[in-house]
Amino acid sequence: MNEKTIKELAIELTVETTAICDTIKDRSVFKNQLLRFCSSIGANSHEARYAQSRADFIHKLEIALKECYETEYWLEILYRVNSIDKSTYEKLINKSGTIRRKLIASVTTAKNNS
């Protein structure tokens, strides 16, 4: 099985979200928030690879998890204000959900192995 890493999924989500936000003419506050939190998922999970300790590793993954939740919030806002359609929303929410589940599993494993 060739499962994608959190980093790979986060990059895909950021690229897809950026492309979609480029097509939205208004709602700059919402778009900026979405892009900020979405891109932070991958940045924090990537940074976790070079953590100074297990606690630092867990902390960085937990930040990525929080950013993932916030990404889902801003996606829902853009969907509810009709800036993105249902299929786009569902596609991005599903990808974010996959990342979220992987982050939860990674944090749980790291905490259990402490």
PDB file of N, CA and C in Angstrom:
ATOM      1  N   MET A   1       0.842  -1.171   0.000  1.00  0.00           N
ATOM      2  CA  MET A   1       0.000   0.000   0.000  1.00  0.00           C
ATOM      3  C   MET A   1       0.897   1.247   0.000  1.00  0.00           C
ATOM      4  N   ASN A   2       0.587   2.203  -0.841  1.00  0.00           N
ATOM      5  CA  ASN A   2       1.385   3.408  -0.975  1.00  0.00           C
ATOM      6  C   ASN A   2       0.611   4.602  -0.416  1.00  0.00           C
ATOM      7  N   GLU A   3       0.546   4.679   0.912  1.00  0.00           N
ATOM      8  CA  GLU A   3      -0.188   5.770   1.550  1.00  0.00           C
ATOM      9  C   GLU A   3       0.623   7.048   1.512  1.00  0.00           C
ATOM     10  N   LYS A   4      -0.064   8.142   1.302  1.00  0.00           N
ATOM     11  CA  LYS A   4       0.595   9.443   1.294  1.00  0.00           C
ATOM     12  C   LYS A   4       0.872   9.890   2.723  1.00  0.00           C
ATOM     13  N   THR A   5       1.966  10.614   2.882  1.00  0.00           N
ATOM     14  CA  THR A   5       2.320  11.137   4.191  1.00  0.00           C
ATOM     15  C   THR A   5       1.454  12.358   4.512  1.00  0.00           C
ATOM     16  N   ILE A   6       1.488  12.748   5.780  1.00  0.00           N
ATOM     17  CA  ILE A   6       0.784  13.954   6.195  1.00  0.00           C
ATOM     18  C   ILE A   6       1.297  15.142   5.394  1.00  0.00           C
ATOM     19  N   LYS A   7       2.602  15.221   5.240  1.00  0.00           N
ATOM     20  CA  LYS A   7       3.193  16.336   4.498  1.00  0.00           C
ATOM     21  C   LYS A   7       2.693  16.362   3.051  1.00  0.00           C
ATOM     22  N   GLU A   8       2.693  15.212   2.389  1.00  0.00           N
ATOM     23  CA  GLU A   8       2.221  15.158   0.996  1.00  0.00           C
ATOM     24  C   GLU A   8       0.753  15.577   0.890  1.00  0.00           C
ATOM     25  N   LEU A   9      -0.071  15.070   1.790  1.00  0.00           N
ATOM     26  CA  LEU A   9      -1.496  15.439   1.785  1.00  0.00           C
ATOM     27  C   LEU A   9      -1.686  16.921   2.086  1.00  0.00           C
ATOM     28  N   ALA A  10      -0.895  17.440   3.022  1.00  0.00           N
ATOM     29  CA  ALA A  10      -1.004  18.860   3.378  1.00  0.00           C
ATOM     30  C   ALA A  10      -0.597  19.752   2.214  1.00  0.00           C
ATOM     31  N   ILE A  11       0.441  19.357   1.488  1.00  0.00           N
ATOM     32  CA  ILE A  11       0.849  20.132   0.310  1.00  0.00           C
ATOM     33  C   ILE A  11      -0.251  20.105  -0.735  1.00  0.00           C
ATOM     34  N   GLU A  12      -0.812  18.930  -0.993  1.00  0.00           N
ATOM     35  CA  GLU A  12      -1.917  18.822  -1.958  1.00  0.00           C
ATOM     36  C   GLU A  12      -3.086  19.709  -1.543  1.00  0.00           C
ATOM     37  N   LEU A  13      -3.449  19.657  -0.256  1.00  0.00           N
ATOM     38  CA  LEU A  13      -4.565  20.463   0.234  1.00  0.00           C
ATOM     39  C   LEU A  13      -4.277  21.949   0.054  1.00  0.00           C
ATOM     40  N   THR A  14      -3.060  22.365   0.348  1.00  0.00           N
ATOM     41  CA  THR A  14      -2.689  23.775   0.210  1.00  0.00           C
ATOM     42  C   THR A  14      -2.711  24.211  -1.250  1.00  0.00           C
ATOM     43  N   VAL A  15      -2.182  23.387  -2.136  1.00  0.00           N
ATOM     44  CA  VAL A  15      -2.174  23.722  -3.569  1.00  0.00           C
ATOM     45  C   VAL A  15      -3.602  23.814  -4.099  1.00  0.00           C
ATOM     46  N   GLU A  16      -4.434  22.838  -3.758  1.00  0.00           N
ATOM     47  CA  GLU A  16      -5.824  22.850  -4.225  1.00  0.00           C
ATOM     48  C   GLU A  16      -6.593  24.035  -3.644  1.00  0.00           C
ATOM     49  N   THR A  17      -6.379  24.311  -2.375  1.00  0.00           N
ATOM     50  CA  THR A  17      -7.068  25.425  -1.728  1.00  0.00           C
ATOM     51  C   THR A  17      -6.625  26.755  -2.331  1.00  0.00           C
ATOM     52  N   THR A  18      -5.346  26.890  -2.593  1.00  0.00           N
ATOM     53  CA  THR A  18      -4.830  28.115  -3.214  1.00  0.00           C
ATOM     54  C   THR A  18      -5.469  28.335  -4.580  1.00  0.00           C
ATOM     55  N   ALA A  19      -5.548  27.281  -5.379  1.00  0.00           N
ATOM     56  CA  ALA A  19      -6.150  27.393  -6.709  1.00  0.00           C
ATOM     57  C   ALA A  19      -7.613  27.810  -6.612  1.00  0.00           C
ATOM     58  N   ILE A  20      -8.319  27.257  -5.661  1.00  0.00           N
ATOM     59  CA  ILE A  20      -9.728  27.604  -5.489  1.00  0.00           C
ATOM     60  C   ILE A  20      -9.871  29.039  -4.994  1.00  0.00           C
ATOM     61  N   CYS A  21      -9.055  29.429  -4.035  1.00  0.00           N
ATOM     62  CA  CYS A  21      -9.126  30.806  -3.509  1.00  0.00           C
ATOM     63  C   CYS A  21      -8.796  31.827  -4.598  1.00  0.00           C
ATOM     64  N   ASP A  22      -7.934  31.454  -5.534  1.00  0.00           N
ATOM     65  CA  ASP A  22      -7.604  32.361  -6.640  1.00  0.00           C
ATOM     66  C   ASP A  22      -8.814  32.655  -7.522  1.00  0.00           C
ATOM     67  N   THR A  23      -9.812  31.775  -7.493  1.00  0.00           N
ATOM     68  CA  THR A  23     -11.004  31.976  -8.327  1.00  0.00           C
ATOM     69  C   THR A  23     -12.105  32.761  -7.614  1.00  0.00           C
ATOM     70  N   ILE A  24     -11.966  32.930  -6.299  1.00  0.00           N
ATOM     71  CA  ILE A  24     -12.976  33.653  -5.519  1.00  0.00           C
ATOM     72  C   ILE A  24     -12.641  35.140  -5.577  1.00  0.00           C
ATOM     73  N   LYS A  25     -13.591  35.919  -6.068  1.00  0.00           N
ATOM     74  CA  LYS A  25     -13.330  37.338  -6.315  1.00  0.00           C
ATOM     75  C   LYS A  25     -13.334  38.206  -5.055  1.00  0.00           C
ATOM     76  N   ASP A  26     -14.144  37.844  -4.068  1.00  0.00           N
ATOM     77  CA  ASP A  26     -14.218  38.650  -2.853  1.00  0.00           C
ATOM     78  C   ASP A  26     -13.907  37.768  -1.649  1.00  0.00           C
ATOM     79  N   ARG A  27     -14.325  38.182  -0.487  1.00  0.00           N
ATOM     80  CA  ARG A  27     -14.125  37.414   0.742  1.00  0.00           C
ATOM     81  C   ARG A  27     -12.647  37.284   1.115  1.00  0.00           C
ATOM     82  N   SER A  28     -11.878  38.339   0.885  1.00  0.00           N
ATOM     83  CA  SER A  28     -10.430  38.262   1.102  1.00  0.00           C
ATOM     84  C   SER A  28     -10.068  37.905   2.544  1.00  0.00           C
ATOM     85  N   VAL A  29     -10.830  38.356   3.522  1.00  0.00           N
ATOM     86  CA  VAL A  29     -10.529  38.015   4.917  1.00  0.00           C
ATOM     87  C   VAL A  29     -10.652  36.512   5.118  1.00  0.00           C
ATOM     88  N   PHE A  30     -11.723  35.925   4.615  1.00  0.00           N
ATOM     89  CA  PHE A  30     -11.930  34.481   4.764  1.00  0.00           C
ATOM     90  C   PHE A  30     -10.868  33.692   4.003  1.00  0.00           C
ATOM     91  N   LYS A  31     -10.589  34.109   2.779  1.00  0.00           N
ATOM     92  CA  LYS A  31      -9.582  33.412   1.966  1.00  0.00           C
ATOM     93  C   LYS A  31      -8.210  33.473   2.636  1.00  0.00           C
ATOM     94  N   ASN A  32      -7.848  34.643   3.130  1.00  0.00           N
ATOM     95  CA  ASN A  32      -6.536  34.786   3.769  1.00  0.00           C
ATOM     96  C   ASN A  32      -6.412  33.906   5.009  1.00  0.00           C
ATOM     97  N   GLN A  33      -7.478  33.871   5.802  1.00  0.00           N
ATOM     98  CA  GLN A  33      -7.469  33.016   6.984  1.00  0.00           C
ATOM     99  C   GLN A  33      -7.335  31.544   6.573  1.00  0.00           C
ATOM    100  N   LEU A  34      -8.121  31.131   5.593  1.00  0.00           N
ATOM    101  CA  LEU A  34      -8.070  29.752   5.129  1.00  0.00           C
ATOM    102  C   LEU A  34      -6.673  29.393   4.648  1.00  0.00           C
ATOM    103  N   LEU A  35      -6.090  30.221   3.820  1.00  0.00           N
ATOM    104  CA  LEU A  35      -4.758  29.927   3.285  1.00  0.00           C
ATOM    105  C   LEU A  35      -3.701  29.917   4.379  1.00  0.00           C
ATOM    106  N   ARG A  36      -3.838  30.799   5.327  1.00  0.00           N
ATOM    107  CA  ARG A  36      -2.876  30.861   6.431  1.00  0.00           C
ATOM    108  C   ARG A  36      -2.897  29.569   7.246  1.00  0.00           C
ATOM    109  N   PHE A  37      -4.081  29.126   7.635  1.00  0.00           N
ATOM    110  CA  PHE A  37      -4.176  27.937   8.471  1.00  0.00           C
ATOM    111  C   PHE A  37      -3.915  26.664   7.675  1.00  0.00           C
ATOM    112  N   CYS A  38      -4.389  26.625   6.463  1.00  0.00           N
ATOM    113  CA  CYS A  38      -4.180  25.454   5.614  1.00  0.00           C
ATOM    114  C   CYS A  38      -2.691  25.208   5.381  1.00  0.00           C
ATOM    115  N   SER A  39      -1.960  26.259   5.034  1.00  0.00           N
ATOM    116  CA  SER A  39      -0.530  26.091   4.758  1.00  0.00           C
ATOM    117  C   SER A  39       0.257  25.768   6.019  1.00  0.00           C
ATOM    118  N   SER A  40      -0.266  26.153   7.164  1.00  0.00           N
ATOM    119  CA  SER A  40       0.408  25.887   8.429  1.00  0.00           C
ATOM    120  C   SER A  40       0.378  24.407   8.820  1.00  0.00           C
ATOM    121  N   ILE A  41      -0.594  23.670   8.332  1.00  0.00           N
ATOM    122  CA  ILE A  41      -0.673  22.230   8.637  1.00  0.00           C
ATOM    123  C   ILE A  41       0.611  21.541   8.176  1.00  0.00           C
ATOM    124  N   GLY A  42       0.943  21.740   6.915  1.00  0.00           N
ATOM    125  CA  GLY A  42       2.139  21.105   6.365  1.00  0.00           C
ATOM    126  C   GLY A  42       3.414  21.640   6.973  1.00  0.00           C
ATOM    127  N   ALA A  43       3.460  22.943   7.204  1.00  0.00           N
ATOM    128  CA  ALA A  43       4.674  23.545   7.764  1.00  0.00           C
ATOM    129  C   ALA A  43       4.964  22.976   9.155  1.00  0.00           C
ATOM    130  N   ASN A  44       3.945  22.865   9.991  1.00  0.00           N
ATOM    131  CA  ASN A  44       4.161  22.342  11.338  1.00  0.00           C
ATOM    132  C   ASN A  44       4.451  20.847  11.351  1.00  0.00           C
ATOM    133  N   SER A  45       3.785  20.096  10.503  1.00  0.00           N
ATOM    134  CA  SER A  45       4.066  18.658  10.465  1.00  0.00           C
ATOM    135  C   SER A  45       5.461  18.402   9.898  1.00  0.00           C
ATOM    136  N   HIS A  46       5.893  19.225   8.958  1.00  0.00           N
ATOM    137  CA  HIS A  46       7.253  19.107   8.414  1.00  0.00           C
ATOM    138  C   HIS A  46       8.279  19.471   9.490  1.00  0.00           C
ATOM    139  N   GLU A  47       8.008  20.533  10.207  1.00  0.00           N
ATOM    140  CA  GLU A  47       8.913  20.973  11.270  1.00  0.00           C
ATOM    141  C   GLU A  47       9.025  19.917  12.370  1.00  0.00           C
ATOM    142  N   ALA A  48       7.962  19.168  12.616  1.00  0.00           N
ATOM    143  CA  ALA A  48       7.971  18.132  13.654  1.00  0.00           C
ATOM    144  C   ALA A  48       9.040  17.076  13.384  1.00  0.00           C
ATOM    145  N   ARG A  49       9.369  16.868  12.147  1.00  0.00           N
ATOM    146  CA  ARG A  49      10.394  15.864  11.803  1.00  0.00           C
ATOM    147  C   ARG A  49      11.753  16.211  12.408  1.00  0.00           C
ATOM    148  N   TYR A  50      11.967  17.469  12.694  1.00  0.00           N
ATOM    149  CA  TYR A  50      13.241  17.914  13.247  1.00  0.00           C
ATOM    150  C   TYR A  50      13.070  18.476  14.651  1.00  0.00           C
ATOM    151  N   ALA A  51      12.105  17.933  15.368  1.00  0.00           N
ATOM    152  CA  ALA A  51      11.831  18.380  16.731  1.00  0.00           C
ATOM    153  C   ALA A  51      13.028  18.084  17.626  1.00  0.00           C
ATOM    154  N   GLN A  52      13.165  18.881  18.673  1.00  0.00           N
ATOM    155  CA  GLN A  52      14.291  18.731  19.589  1.00  0.00           C
ATOM    156  C   GLN A  52      14.065  17.640  20.622  1.00  0.00           C
ATOM    157  N   SER A  53      12.822  17.221  20.786  1.00  0.00           N
ATOM    158  CA  SER A  53      12.493  16.175  21.752  1.00  0.00           C
ATOM    159  C   SER A  53      11.149  15.560  21.364  1.00  0.00           C
ATOM    160  N   ARG A  54      10.789  14.491  22.050  1.00  0.00           N
ATOM    161  CA  ARG A  54       9.479  13.882  21.799  1.00  0.00           C
ATOM    162  C   ARG A  54       8.361  14.858  22.147  1.00  0.00           C
ATOM    163  N   ALA A  55       8.541  15.602  23.240  1.00  0.00           N
ATOM    164  CA  ALA A  55       7.530  16.593  23.642  1.00  0.00           C
ATOM    165  C   ALA A  55       7.395  17.678  22.577  1.00  0.00           C
ATOM    166  N   ASP A  56       8.496  18.113  22.006  1.00  0.00           N
ATOM    167  CA  ASP A  56       8.471  19.120  20.941  1.00  0.00           C
ATOM    168  C   ASP A  56       7.795  18.552  19.696  1.00  0.00           C
ATOM    169  N   PHE A  57       8.087  17.293  19.382  1.00  0.00           N
ATOM    170  CA  PHE A  57       7.464  16.597  18.252  1.00  0.00           C
ATOM    171  C   PHE A  57       5.947  16.572  18.422  1.00  0.00           C
ATOM    172  N   ILE A  58       5.499  16.161  19.604  1.00  0.00           N
ATOM    173  CA  ILE A  58       4.059  16.090  19.886  1.00  0.00           C
ATOM    174  C   ILE A  58       3.440  17.479  19.797  1.00  0.00           C
ATOM    175  N   HIS A  59       4.116  18.466  20.366  1.00  0.00           N
ATOM    176  CA  HIS A  59       3.604  19.834  20.351  1.00  0.00           C
ATOM    177  C   HIS A  59       3.407  20.344  18.924  1.00  0.00           C
ATOM    178  N   LYS A  60       4.370  20.105  18.053  1.00  0.00           N
ATOM    179  CA  LYS A  60       4.267  20.578  16.668  1.00  0.00           C
ATOM    180  C   LYS A  60       3.131  19.864  15.921  1.00  0.00           C
ATOM    181  N   LEU A  61       2.977  18.568  16.166  1.00  0.00           N
ATOM    182  CA  LEU A  61       1.860  17.846  15.542  1.00  0.00           C
ATOM    183  C   LEU A  61       0.519  18.327  16.081  1.00  0.00           C
ATOM    184  N   GLU A  62       0.468  18.658  17.368  1.00  0.00           N
ATOM    185  CA  GLU A  62      -0.775  19.182  17.934  1.00  0.00           C
ATOM    186  C   GLU A  62      -1.117  20.559  17.362  1.00  0.00           C
ATOM    187  N   ILE A  63      -0.102  21.368  17.081  1.00  0.00           N
ATOM    188  CA  ILE A  63      -0.348  22.649  16.410  1.00  0.00           C
ATOM    189  C   ILE A  63      -0.900  22.393  15.012  1.00  0.00           C
ATOM    190  N   ALA A  64      -0.300  21.451  14.279  1.00  0.00           N
ATOM    191  CA  ALA A  64      -0.796  21.106  12.937  1.00  0.00           C
ATOM    192  C   ALA A  64      -2.250  20.643  13.013  1.00  0.00           C
ATOM    193  N   LEU A  65      -2.576  19.878  14.048  1.00  0.00           N
ATOM    194  CA  LEU A  65      -3.946  19.402  14.235  1.00  0.00           C
ATOM    195  C   LEU A  65      -4.907  20.570  14.461  1.00  0.00           C
ATOM    196  N   LYS A  66      -4.511  21.524  15.286  1.00  0.00           N
ATOM    197  CA  LYS A  66      -5.343  22.707  15.513  1.00  0.00           C
ATOM    198  C   LYS A  66      -5.547  23.489  14.213  1.00  0.00           C
ATOM    199  N   GLU A  67      -4.487  23.610  13.439  1.00  0.00           N
ATOM    200  CA  GLU A  67      -4.579  24.326  12.166  1.00  0.00           C
ATOM    201  C   GLU A  67      -5.510  23.590  11.210  1.00  0.00           C
ATOM    202  N   CYS A  68      -5.503  22.275  11.280  1.00  0.00           N
ATOM    203  CA  CYS A  68      -6.387  21.466  10.437  1.00  0.00           C
ATOM    204  C   CYS A  68      -7.853  21.732  10.799  1.00  0.00           C
ATOM    205  N   TYR A  69      -8.144  21.763  12.094  1.00  0.00           N
ATOM    206  CA  TYR A  69      -9.504  22.073  12.534  1.00  0.00           C
ATOM    207  C   TYR A  69      -9.921  23.461  12.071  1.00  0.00           C
ATOM    208  N   GLU A  70      -9.011  24.409  12.176  1.00  0.00           N
ATOM    209  CA  GLU A  70      -9.345  25.774  11.769  1.00  0.00           C
ATOM    210  C   GLU A  70      -9.536  25.857  10.254  1.00  0.00           C
ATOM    211  N   THR A  71      -8.764  25.103   9.499  1.00  0.00           N
ATOM    212  CA  THR A  71      -8.942  25.051   8.052  1.00  0.00           C
ATOM    213  C   THR A  71     -10.358  24.598   7.718  1.00  0.00           C
ATOM    214  N   GLU A  72     -10.823  23.568   8.413  1.00  0.00           N
ATOM    215  CA  GLU A  72     -12.176  23.062   8.186  1.00  0.00           C
ATOM    216  C   GLU A  72     -13.226  24.124   8.516  1.00  0.00           C
ATOM    217  N   TYR A  73     -12.974  24.916   9.535  1.00  0.00           N
ATOM    218  CA  TYR A  73     -13.886  26.005   9.886  1.00  0.00           C
ATOM    219  C   TYR A  73     -13.993  27.008   8.738  1.00  0.00           C
ATOM    220  N   TRP A  74     -12.853  27.458   8.210  1.00  0.00           N
ATOM    221  CA  TRP A  74     -12.874  28.470   7.150  1.00  0.00           C
ATOM    222  C   TRP A  74     -13.437  27.913   5.846  1.00  0.00           C
ATOM    223  N   LEU A  75     -13.222  26.627   5.599  1.00  0.00           N
ATOM    224  CA  LEU A  75     -13.855  26.005   4.434  1.00  0.00           C
ATOM    225  C   LEU A  75     -15.370  26.046   4.572  1.00  0.00           C
ATOM    226  N   GLU A  76     -15.852  25.749   5.765  1.00  0.00           N
ATOM    227  CA  GLU A  76     -17.300  25.777   5.991  1.00  0.00           C
ATOM    228  C   GLU A  76     -17.855  27.188   5.822  1.00  0.00           C
ATOM    229  N   ILE A  77     -17.138  28.175   6.311  1.00  0.00           N
ATOM    230  CA  ILE A  77     -17.582  29.563   6.142  1.00  0.00           C
ATOM    231  C   ILE A  77     -17.698  29.896   4.658  1.00  0.00           C
ATOM    232  N   LEU A  78     -16.664  29.589   3.880  1.00  0.00           N
ATOM    233  CA  LEU A  78     -16.702  29.895   2.442  1.00  0.00           C
ATOM    234  C   LEU A  78     -17.818  29.136   1.736  1.00  0.00           C
ATOM    235  N   TYR A  79     -18.094  27.928   2.187  1.00  0.00           N
ATOM    236  CA  TYR A  79     -19.201  27.169   1.615  1.00  0.00           C
ATOM    237  C   TYR A  79     -20.540  27.825   1.967  1.00  0.00           C
ATOM    238  N   ARG A  80     -20.707  28.199   3.204  1.00  0.00           N
ATOM    239  CA  ARG A  80     -21.985  28.773   3.653  1.00  0.00           C
ATOM    240  C   ARG A  80     -22.271  30.157   3.076  1.00  0.00           C
ATOM    241  N   VAL A  81     -21.218  30.876   2.688  1.00  0.00           N
ATOM    242  CA  VAL A  81     -21.450  32.180   2.050  1.00  0.00           C
ATOM    243  C   VAL A  81     -21.442  32.044   0.522  1.00  0.00           C
ATOM    244  N   ASN A  82     -21.527  30.802   0.058  1.00  0.00           N
ATOM    245  CA  ASN A  82     -21.628  30.480  -1.368  1.00  0.00           C
ATOM    246  C   ASN A  82     -20.414  30.898  -2.195  1.00  0.00           C
ATOM    247  N   SER A  83     -19.239  30.880  -1.577  1.00  0.00           N
ATOM    248  CA  SER A  83     -18.017  31.186  -2.325  1.00  0.00           C
ATOM    249  C   SER A  83     -17.393  29.932  -2.924  1.00  0.00           C
ATOM    250  N   ILE A  84     -17.728  28.768  -2.369  1.00  0.00           N
ATOM    251  CA  ILE A  84     -17.308  27.499  -2.974  1.00  0.00           C
ATOM    252  C   ILE A  84     -18.528  26.589  -3.048  1.00  0.00           C
ATOM    253  N   ASP A  85     -18.554  25.746  -4.069  1.00  0.00           N
ATOM    254  CA  ASP A  85     -19.702  24.855  -4.239  1.00  0.00           C
ATOM    255  C   ASP A  85     -19.579  23.611  -3.359  1.00  0.00           C
ATOM    256  N   LYS A  86     -20.644  22.857  -3.301  1.00  0.00           N
ATOM    257  CA  LYS A  86     -20.709  21.695  -2.416  1.00  0.00           C
ATOM    258  C   LYS A  86     -19.658  20.647  -2.748  1.00  0.00           C
ATOM    259  N   SER A  87     -19.452  20.347  -4.009  1.00  0.00           N
ATOM    260  CA  SER A  87     -18.482  19.305  -4.363  1.00  0.00           C
ATOM    261  C   SER A  87     -17.058  19.729  -4.007  1.00  0.00           C
ATOM    262  N   THR A  88     -16.739  20.989  -4.202  1.00  0.00           N
ATOM    263  CA  THR A  88     -15.416  21.502  -3.828  1.00  0.00           C
ATOM    264  C   THR A  88     -15.247  21.439  -2.320  1.00  0.00           C
ATOM    265  N   TYR A  89     -16.264  21.896  -1.613  1.00  0.00           N
ATOM    266  CA  TYR A  89     -16.243  21.866  -0.149  1.00  0.00           C
ATOM    267  C   TYR A  89     -16.028  20.439   0.359  1.00  0.00           C
ATOM    268  N   GLU A  90     -16.812  19.498  -0.153  1.00  0.00           N
ATOM    269  CA  GLU A  90     -16.710  18.112   0.301  1.00  0.00           C
ATOM    270  C   GLU A  90     -15.351  17.510  -0.019  1.00  0.00           C
ATOM    271  N   LYS A  91     -14.808  17.822  -1.186  1.00  0.00           N
ATOM    272  CA  LYS A  91     -13.490  17.312  -1.568  1.00  0.00           C
ATOM    273  C   LYS A  91     -12.412  17.805  -0.604  1.00  0.00           C
ATOM    274  N   LEU A  92     -12.435  19.098  -0.298  1.00  0.00           N
ATOM    275  CA  LEU A  92     -11.424  19.673   0.580  1.00  0.00           C
ATOM    276  C   LEU A  92     -11.620  19.235   2.037  1.00  0.00           C
ATOM    277  N   ILE A  93     -12.867  19.143   2.474  1.00  0.00           N
ATOM    278  CA  ILE A  93     -13.152  18.678   3.838  1.00  0.00           C
ATOM    279  C   ILE A  93     -12.702  17.227   3.998  1.00  0.00           C
ATOM    280  N   ASN A  94     -12.928  16.401   2.984  1.00  0.00           N
ATOM    281  CA  ASN A  94     -12.499  15.000   3.064  1.00  0.00           C
ATOM    282  C   ASN A  94     -10.987  14.886   3.153  1.00  0.00           C
ATOM    283  N   LYS A  95     -10.289  15.689   2.367  1.00  0.00           N
ATOM    284  CA  LYS A  95      -8.822  15.654   2.405  1.00  0.00           C
ATOM    285  C   LYS A  95      -8.325  16.151   3.762  1.00  0.00           C
ATOM    286  N   SER A  96      -8.931  17.218   4.258  1.00  0.00           N
ATOM    287  CA  SER A  96      -8.564  17.736   5.574  1.00  0.00           C
ATOM    288  C   SER A  96      -8.865  16.697   6.656  1.00  0.00           C
ATOM    289  N   GLY A  97      -9.982  16.003   6.531  1.00  0.00           N
ATOM    290  CA  GLY A  97     -10.334  14.952   7.490  1.00  0.00           C
ATOM    291  C   GLY A  97      -9.331  13.819   7.503  1.00  0.00           C
ATOM    292  N   THR A  98      -8.833  13.456   6.340  1.00  0.00           N
ATOM    293  CA  THR A  98      -7.800  12.421   6.252  1.00  0.00           C
ATOM    294  C   THR A  98      -6.540  12.872   6.986  1.00  0.00           C
ATOM    295  N   ILE A  99      -6.143  14.110   6.739  1.00  0.00           N
ATOM    296  CA  ILE A  99      -4.964  14.662   7.420  1.00  0.00           C
ATOM    297  C   ILE A  99      -5.201  14.683   8.929  1.00  0.00           C
ATOM    298  N   ARG A 100      -6.364  15.150   9.348  1.00  0.00           N
ATOM    299  CA  ARG A 100      -6.702  15.228  10.770  1.00  0.00           C
ATOM    300  C   ARG A 100      -6.599  13.865  11.441  1.00  0.00           C
ATOM    301  N   ARG A 101      -7.162  12.847  10.807  1.00  0.00           N
ATOM    302  CA  ARG A 101      -7.116  11.494  11.382  1.00  0.00           C
ATOM    303  C   ARG A 101      -5.676  10.990  11.484  1.00  0.00           C
ATOM    304  N   LYS A 102      -4.863  11.272  10.477  1.00  0.00           N
ATOM    305  CA  LYS A 102      -3.455  10.858  10.511  1.00  0.00           C
ATOM    306  C   LYS A 102      -2.701  11.604  11.622  1.00  0.00           C
ATOM    307  N   LEU A 103      -3.000  12.877  11.787  1.00  0.00           N
ATOM    308  CA  LEU A 103      -2.357  13.639  12.857  1.00  0.00           C
ATOM    309  C   LEU A 103      -2.760  13.112  14.227  1.00  0.00           C
ATOM    310  N   ILE A 104      -4.045  12.823  14.406  1.00  0.00           N
ATOM    311  CA  ILE A 104      -4.520  12.271  15.684  1.00  0.00           C
ATOM    312  C   ILE A 104      -3.812  10.949  15.974  1.00  0.00           C
ATOM    313  N   ALA A 105      -3.716  10.088  14.969  1.00  0.00           N
ATOM    314  CA  ALA A 105      -3.048   8.796  15.147  1.00  0.00           C
ATOM    315  C   ALA A 105      -1.573   8.990  15.496  1.00  0.00           C
ATOM    316  N   SER A 106      -0.921   9.928  14.836  1.00  0.00           N
ATOM    317  CA  SER A 106       0.496  10.181  15.106  1.00  0.00           C
ATOM    318  C   SER A 106       0.712  10.725  16.512  1.00  0.00           C
ATOM    319  N   VAL A 107      -0.132  11.657  16.929  1.00  0.00           N
ATOM    320  CA  VAL A 107      -0.019  12.225  18.279  1.00  0.00           C
ATOM    321  C   VAL A 107      -0.278  11.137  19.318  1.00  0.00           C
ATOM    322  N   THR A 108      -1.307  10.344  19.101  1.00  0.00           N
ATOM    323  CA  THR A 108      -1.640   9.270  20.033  1.00  0.00           C
ATOM    324  C   THR A 108      -0.489   8.290  20.157  1.00  0.00           C
ATOM    325  N   THR A 109       0.075   7.883  19.029  1.00  0.00           N
ATOM    326  CA  THR A 109       1.205   6.945  19.037  1.00  0.00           C
ATOM    327  C   THR A 109       2.403   7.546  19.770  1.00  0.00           C
ATOM    328  N   ALA A 110       2.716   8.790  19.455  1.00  0.00           N
ATOM    329  CA  ALA A 110       3.864   9.441  20.097  1.00  0.00           C
ATOM    330  C   ALA A 110       3.656   9.555  21.601  1.00  0.00           C
ATOM    331  N   LYS A 111       2.447   9.875  22.034  1.00  0.00           N
ATOM    332  CA  LYS A 111       2.180   9.983  23.469  1.00  0.00           C
ATOM    333  C   LYS A 111       2.257   8.624  24.151  1.00  0.00           C
ATOM    334  N   ASN A 112       1.753   7.591  23.482  1.00  0.00           N
ATOM    335  CA  ASN A 112       1.784   6.249  24.059  1.00  0.00           C
ATOM    336  C   ASN A 112       3.192   5.680  24.131  1.00  0.00           C
ATOM    337  N   ASN A 113       4.076   6.153  23.268  1.00  0.00           N
ATOM    338  CA  ASN A 113       5.458   5.663  23.266  1.00  0.00           C
ATOM    339  C   ASN A 113       6.376   6.519  24.126  1.00  0.00           C
ATOM    340  N   SER A 114       5.800   7.456  24.863  1.00  0.00           N
ATOM    341  CA  SER A 114       6.619   8.328  25.723  1.00  0.00           C
ATOM    342  C   SER A 114       7.067   7.582  26.960  1.00  0.00           C
TER     343      SER A 114
END
